[in-house]
C-alpha atoms as a PDB file:
ATOM      1  CA  ALA A   1       2.105 -18.743 -34.185  1.00  0.00           C
ATOM      2  CA  PRO A   2       5.290 -17.030 -33.061  1.00  0.00           C
ATOM      3  CA  MET A   3       5.360 -16.065 -29.425  1.00  0.00           C
ATOM      4  CA  PRO A   4       5.287 -12.306 -28.711  1.00  0.00           C
ATOM      5  CA  PRO A   5       8.541 -11.071 -27.249  1.00  0.00           C
ATOM      6  CA  MET A   6       8.531 -11.270 -23.489  1.00  0.00           C
ATOM      7  CA  VAL A   7       8.557  -7.896 -21.730  1.00  0.00           C
ATOM      8  CA  PRO A   8      10.913  -8.262 -18.756  1.00  0.00           C
ATOM      9  CA  PRO A   9       9.066  -7.407 -15.555  1.00  0.00           C
ATOM     10  CA  GLU A  10      10.080  -4.238 -13.794  1.00  0.00           C
ATOM     11  CA  PRO A  11      12.296  -4.961 -10.818  1.00  0.00           C
ATOM     12  CA  PRO A  12      10.132  -4.542  -7.689  1.00  0.00           C
ATOM     13  CA  THR A  13      10.401  -1.220  -5.791  1.00  0.00           C
ATOM     14  CA  VAL A  14      11.301  -1.676  -2.149  1.00  0.00           C
ATOM     15  CA  VAL A  15      10.194   1.023   0.277  1.00  0.00           C
ATOM     16  CA  GLN A  16      11.860   1.084   3.714  1.00  0.00           C
ATOM     17  CA  LEU A  17       9.289   2.119   6.362  1.00  0.00           C
ATOM     18  CA  PRO A  18      10.355   4.596   9.036  1.00  0.00           C
ATOM     19  CA  GLU A  19      10.787   3.172  12.480  1.00  0.00           C
ATOM     20  CA  ASN A  20       8.054   5.329  13.949  1.00  0.00           C
ATOM     21  CA  VAL A  21       5.491   3.863  11.507  1.00  0.00           C
ATOM     22  CA  PRO A  22       4.179   0.492  12.673  1.00  0.00           C
ATOM     23  CA  ALA A  23       3.377  -2.324  10.135  1.00  0.00           C
ATOM     24  CA  MET A  24      -0.369  -1.866  11.007  1.00  0.00           C
ATOM     25  CA  ALA A  25      -0.210   1.644   9.572  1.00  0.00           C
ATOM     26  CA  VAL A  26       0.368   0.237   6.130  1.00  0.00           C
ATOM     27  CA  ILE A  27      -1.202  -3.179   6.378  1.00  0.00           C
ATOM     28  CA  GLY A  28      -4.403  -2.225   8.194  1.00  0.00           C
ATOM     29  CA  SER A  29      -6.806  -4.351  10.125  1.00  0.00           C
ATOM     30  CA  LYS A  30      -6.987  -7.794   8.438  1.00  0.00           C
ATOM     31  CA  GLY A  31      -4.796  -6.423   5.594  1.00  0.00           C
ATOM     32  CA  LYS A  32      -7.492  -3.902   4.519  1.00  0.00           C
ATOM     33  CA  ILE A  33      -5.081  -1.090   3.641  1.00  0.00           C
ATOM     34  CA  MET A  34      -2.918  -3.349   1.504  1.00  0.00           C
ATOM     35  CA  GLN A  35      -6.048  -4.713  -0.207  1.00  0.00           C
ATOM     36  CA  ARG A  36      -7.148  -1.153  -0.981  1.00  0.00           C
ATOM     37  CA  MET A  37      -3.734  -0.326  -2.407  1.00  0.00           C
ATOM     38  CA  ARG A  38      -3.782  -3.367  -4.680  1.00  0.00           C
ATOM     39  CA  ALA A  39      -7.370  -2.614  -5.726  1.00  0.00           C
ATOM     40  CA  LEU A  40      -6.763   1.076  -6.419  1.00  0.00           C
ATOM     41  CA  THR A  41      -3.382   0.674  -8.268  1.00  0.00           C
ATOM     42  CA  GLY A  42      -3.254  -2.852  -9.630  1.00  0.00           C
ATOM     43  CA  ALA A  43       0.203  -3.297  -8.141  1.00  0.00           C
ATOM     44  CA  ASN A  44       1.187  -6.222  -5.966  1.00  0.00           C
ATOM     45  CA  VAL A  45       2.067  -4.909  -2.436  1.00  0.00           C
ATOM     46  CA  THR A  46       3.816  -7.103   0.069  1.00  0.00           C
ATOM     47  CA  TYR A  47       5.100  -6.235   3.613  1.00  0.00           C
ATOM     48  CA  PHE A  48       8.279  -7.886   4.912  1.00  0.00           C
ATOM     49  CA  ASN A  49       8.447  -8.010   8.696  1.00  0.00           C
ATOM     50  CA  SER A  50      12.164  -8.969   8.735  1.00  0.00           C
ATOM     51  CA  SER A  51      13.188  -5.705   7.021  1.00  0.00           C
ATOM     52  CA  HIS A  52      10.211  -3.559   7.931  1.00  0.00           C
ATOM     53  CA  SER A  53       9.807  -2.743   4.250  1.00  0.00           C
ATOM     54  CA  VAL A  54       7.218  -2.972   1.563  1.00  0.00           C
ATOM     55  CA  GLU A  55       7.826  -4.452  -1.837  1.00  0.00           C
ATOM     56  CA  ILE A  56       5.732  -3.110  -4.737  1.00  0.00           C
ATOM     57  CA  SER A  57       5.713  -4.933  -8.046  1.00  0.00           C
ATOM     58  CA  GLY A  58       3.713  -4.812 -11.273  1.00  0.00           C
ATOM     59  CA  ASN A  59       3.839  -2.560 -14.374  1.00  0.00           C
ATOM     60  CA  ALA A  60       5.643   0.723 -14.081  1.00  0.00           C
ATOM     61  CA  ARG A  61       2.415   2.785 -13.824  1.00  0.00           C
ATOM     62  CA  ALA A  62       0.932   0.499 -11.079  1.00  0.00           C
ATOM     63  CA  VAL A  63       4.195   0.634  -9.156  1.00  0.00           C
ATOM     64  CA  ALA A  64       4.402   4.402  -9.353  1.00  0.00           C
ATOM     65  CA  ALA A  65       0.783   4.792  -8.217  1.00  0.00           C
ATOM     66  CA  ALA A  66       1.168   2.348  -5.308  1.00  0.00           C
ATOM     67  CA  SER A  67       4.460   4.030  -4.298  1.00  0.00           C
ATOM     68  CA  ARG A  68       2.710   7.456  -4.106  1.00  0.00           C
ATOM     69  CA  LEU A  69      -0.191   5.908  -2.161  1.00  0.00           C
ATOM     70  CA  LEU A  70       2.193   4.199   0.314  1.00  0.00           C
ATOM     71  CA  ASP A  71       4.116   7.430   0.730  1.00  0.00           C
ATOM     72  CA  LYS A  72       0.854   9.336   1.440  1.00  0.00           C
ATOM     73  CA  THR A  73      -0.262   6.627   3.865  1.00  0.00           C
ATOM     74  CA  VAL A  74       3.032   6.822   5.760  1.00  0.00           C
ATOM     75  CA  SER A  75       3.107  10.587   5.984  1.00  0.00           C
ATOM     76  CA  HIS A  76      -0.540  10.870   6.943  1.00  0.00           C
ATOM     77  CA  PHE A  77       0.132   8.354   9.745  1.00  0.00           C
ATOM     78  CA  GLN A  78       3.160  10.337  10.919  1.00  0.00           C
ATOM     79  CA  TYR A  79       1.081  13.550  11.072  1.00  0.00           C
ATOM     80  CA  THR A  80      -2.121  12.277  12.567  1.00  0.00           C
ATOM     81  CA  GLY A  81      -1.413   8.799  13.996  1.00  0.00           C
ATOM     82  CA  LYS A  82      -4.294   7.557  11.828  1.00  0.00           C
ATOM     83  CA  ASN A  83      -4.563   5.226   8.880  1.00  0.00           C
ATOM     84  CA  ALA A  84      -5.615   7.344   5.854  1.00  0.00           C
ATOM     85  CA  LEU A  85      -7.185   4.529   3.794  1.00  0.00           C
ATOM     86  CA  ALA A  86      -8.976   3.134   6.898  1.00  0.00           C
ATOM     87  CA  GLU A  87     -10.552   6.422   7.903  1.00  0.00           C
ATOM     88  CA  PRO A  88     -13.575   6.506   5.478  1.00  0.00           C
ATOM     89  CA  LEU A  89     -14.549   3.040   6.769  1.00  0.00           C
ATOM     90  CA  ALA A  90     -14.235   4.142  10.392  1.00  0.00           C
ATOM     91  CA  ALA A  91     -16.085   7.436   9.751  1.00  0.00           C
ATOM     92  CA  ARG A  92     -19.056   5.518   8.254  1.00  0.00           C
ATOM     93  CA  GLN A  93     -19.262   3.253  11.286  1.00  0.00           C
ATOM     94  CA  HIS A  94     -19.330   6.186  13.689  1.00  0.00           C
ATOM     95  CA  THR A  95     -22.134   8.044  11.982  1.00  0.00           C
ATOM     96  CA  ARG A  96     -24.400   5.015  11.884  1.00  0.00           C
ATOM     97  CA  GLY A  97     -27.282   5.257  14.311  1.00  0.00           C
ATOM     98  CA  TYR A  98     -27.342   9.008  14.807  1.00  0.00           C
END
């Protein structure tokens, strides 16, 4: 059977993180935030320490969704000093036992 034409992959999107946002704000404890981003969007999300940037790859829709999520995570951290995607987990731990 003839092979279907190859769809060239989208070039990855590289997001430069602001200096006042530490890597942990987008990676999370044990990589939890990046795992959530991958799970929620289907994009591949990789942090590069050397350039303090995040590379997002995958199909166009996944990349767009992950870019928005990363953007929200960064601005939320800048406003509150907290990790947006980690908060529900933390909140659940605090209310246990009351």
